[in-house]
Amino acid sequence: YLESPKGIHKLKFFFTAPVGKTDKTYIFDKIKEVIQNEDKTSPLSDVQIAKKLARMGIIISRRTVAKYREILNILAHSLRRI
C-alpha cells in the first residue's frame, strides 16, 4: 500500500497488469487486427472475436472484448456493417 494526498492505494493501482502472460496493449492490437481483417458485410460479434483470440492463445471473456473494443472506440458489430 502507498499513502498519497489522494488516499491510500494498493501498489498495483499504479501499474498496468498483464492479462495472464499477455500485455493489454498486445490484446488491443490483436482485437484491432481481427476487426480489420473481418468480412465487412458480416462483422464479427464480441463472442466470435473472443473465440478467435482463444485460438491465438489469448483467453479473455466476451465482456472483456466488449470493454477493450469500447476503449479502442470500435463500434459494435451491428454498427460496423457496411
C-alpha atoms as a PDB file:
ATOM      1  CA  TYR A   1       0.000   0.000   0.000  1.00  0.00           C
ATOM      2  CA  LEU A   2       1.032   3.592  -0.610  1.00  0.00           C
ATOM      3  CA  GLU A   3      -0.362   6.642   1.136  1.00  0.00           C
ATOM      4  CA  SER A   4      -0.752   9.719  -1.044  1.00  0.00           C
ATOM      5  CA  PRO A   5      -2.545  13.056  -0.695  1.00  0.00           C
ATOM      6  CA  LYS A   6      -5.449  11.447  -2.597  1.00  0.00           C
ATOM      7  CA  GLY A   7      -5.724   8.460  -0.251  1.00  0.00           C
ATOM      8  CA  ILE A   8      -4.275   5.017   0.302  1.00  0.00           C
ATOM      9  CA  HIS A   9      -3.806   2.822  -2.776  1.00  0.00           C
ATOM     10  CA  LYS A  10      -2.546  -0.668  -3.430  1.00  0.00           C
ATOM     11  CA  LEU A  11       0.736  -0.559  -5.343  1.00  0.00           C
ATOM     12  CA  LYS A  12      -0.823  -2.427  -8.254  1.00  0.00           C
ATOM     13  CA  PHE A  13      -3.066   0.650  -8.738  1.00  0.00           C
ATOM     14  CA  PHE A  14      -0.044   2.415 -10.286  1.00  0.00           C
ATOM     15  CA  PHE A  15       0.829  -0.325 -12.795  1.00  0.00           C
ATOM     16  CA  THR A  16      -0.964  -1.877 -15.745  1.00  0.00           C
ATOM     17  CA  ALA A  17      -1.445  -5.546 -15.067  1.00  0.00           C
ATOM     18  CA  PRO A  18      -0.975  -8.078 -17.836  1.00  0.00           C
ATOM     19  CA  VAL A  19      -3.791 -10.497 -18.555  1.00  0.00           C
ATOM     20  CA  GLY A  20      -2.153 -13.823 -17.820  1.00  0.00           C
ATOM     21  CA  LYS A  21       1.154 -13.657 -19.648  1.00  0.00           C
ATOM     22  CA  THR A  22      -0.155 -11.184 -22.227  1.00  0.00           C
ATOM     23  CA  ASP A  23       0.040  -7.392 -22.007  1.00  0.00           C
ATOM     24  CA  LYS A  24      -3.146  -5.370 -22.626  1.00  0.00           C
ATOM     25  CA  THR A  25      -1.581  -3.429 -25.498  1.00  0.00           C
ATOM     26  CA  TYR A  26      -0.860  -6.726 -27.276  1.00  0.00           C
ATOM     27  CA  ILE A  27      -4.502  -7.738 -26.818  1.00  0.00           C
ATOM     28  CA  PHE A  28      -5.670  -4.326 -28.086  1.00  0.00           C
ATOM     29  CA  ASP A  29      -3.527  -4.799 -31.208  1.00  0.00           C
ATOM     30  CA  LYS A  30      -4.918  -8.305 -31.784  1.00  0.00           C
ATOM     31  CA  ILE A  31      -8.518  -7.099 -31.407  1.00  0.00           C
ATOM     32  CA  LYS A  32      -7.840  -4.320 -33.942  1.00  0.00           C
ATOM     33  CA  GLU A  33      -6.212  -6.849 -36.285  1.00  0.00           C
ATOM     34  CA  VAL A  34      -9.147  -9.275 -36.066  1.00  0.00           C
ATOM     35  CA  ILE A  35     -11.661  -6.491 -36.733  1.00  0.00           C
ATOM     36  CA  GLN A  36      -9.637  -5.039 -39.627  1.00  0.00           C
ATOM     37  CA  ASN A  37      -9.482  -8.466 -41.282  1.00  0.00           C
ATOM     38  CA  GLU A  38     -13.168  -9.347 -40.816  1.00  0.00           C
ATOM     39  CA  ASP A  39     -15.704  -9.531 -43.615  1.00  0.00           C
ATOM     40  CA  LYS A  40     -17.210  -6.032 -43.638  1.00  0.00           C
ATOM     41  CA  THR A  41     -20.601  -7.329 -44.808  1.00  0.00           C
ATOM     42  CA  SER A  42     -20.778  -9.738 -41.856  1.00  0.00           C
ATOM     43  CA  PRO A  43     -18.803  -8.292 -38.914  1.00  0.00           C
ATOM     44  CA  LEU A  44     -17.753 -10.489 -36.006  1.00  0.00           C
ATOM     45  CA  SER A  45     -19.584 -10.302 -32.689  1.00  0.00           C
ATOM     46  CA  ASP A  46     -17.696  -9.978 -29.400  1.00  0.00           C
ATOM     47  CA  VAL A  47     -18.196 -13.722 -28.805  1.00  0.00           C
ATOM     48  CA  GLN A  48     -16.685 -14.556 -32.196  1.00  0.00           C
ATOM     49  CA  ILE A  49     -13.751 -12.203 -31.550  1.00  0.00           C
ATOM     50  CA  ALA A  50     -13.154 -13.855 -28.157  1.00  0.00           C
ATOM     51  CA  LYS A  51     -13.156 -17.291 -29.844  1.00  0.00           C
ATOM     52  CA  LYS A  52     -10.662 -16.133 -32.495  1.00  0.00           C
ATOM     53  CA  LEU A  53      -8.411 -14.712 -29.789  1.00  0.00           C
ATOM     54  CA  ALA A  54      -8.681 -18.003 -27.862  1.00  0.00           C
ATOM     55  CA  ARG A  55      -7.371 -19.821 -30.954  1.00  0.00           C
ATOM     56  CA  MET A  56      -4.410 -17.417 -30.847  1.00  0.00           C
ATOM     57  CA  GLY A  57      -3.806 -18.337 -27.211  1.00  0.00           C
ATOM     58  CA  ILE A  58      -5.441 -15.246 -25.676  1.00  0.00           C
ATOM     59  CA  ILE A  59      -8.193 -16.396 -23.335  1.00  0.00           C
ATOM     60  CA  ILE A  60     -10.493 -13.483 -22.455  1.00  0.00           C
ATOM     61  CA  SER A  61     -14.239 -13.233 -21.968  1.00  0.00           C
ATOM     62  CA  ARG A  62     -16.765 -11.648 -24.289  1.00  0.00           C
ATOM     63  CA  ARG A  63     -17.277  -8.852 -21.764  1.00  0.00           C
ATOM     64  CA  THR A  64     -13.553  -8.085 -21.770  1.00  0.00           C
ATOM     65  CA  VAL A  65     -13.586  -7.968 -25.581  1.00  0.00           C
ATOM     66  CA  ALA A  66     -16.519  -5.520 -25.427  1.00  0.00           C
ATOM     67  CA  LYS A  67     -14.742  -3.375 -22.828  1.00  0.00           C
ATOM     68  CA  TYR A  68     -11.489  -3.270 -24.818  1.00  0.00           C
ATOM     69  CA  ARG A  69     -13.388  -2.612 -28.075  1.00  0.00           C
ATOM     70  CA  GLU A  70     -15.087   0.379 -26.444  1.00  0.00           C
ATOM     71  CA  ILE A  71     -11.739   1.655 -25.128  1.00  0.00           C
ATOM     72  CA  LEU A  72     -10.430   1.461 -28.711  1.00  0.00           C
ATOM     73  CA  ASN A  73     -13.531   3.368 -29.946  1.00  0.00           C
ATOM     74  CA  ILE A  74     -14.586   0.490 -32.198  1.00  0.00           C
ATOM     75  CA  LEU A  75     -18.309   0.159 -32.809  1.00  0.00           C
ATOM     76  CA  ALA A  76     -20.363  -2.933 -32.007  1.00  0.00           C
ATOM     77  CA  HIS A  77     -20.710  -5.491 -34.795  1.00  0.00           C
ATOM     78  CA  SER A  78     -24.218  -4.367 -35.742  1.00  0.00           C
ATOM     79  CA  LEU A  79     -22.938  -0.817 -36.317  1.00  0.00           C
ATOM     80  CA  ARG A  80     -19.808  -1.877 -38.252  1.00  0.00           C
ATOM     81  CA  ARG A  81     -21.872  -3.475 -41.016  1.00  0.00           C
ATOM     82  CA  ILE A  82     -21.496  -1.790 -44.413  1.00  0.00           C
END
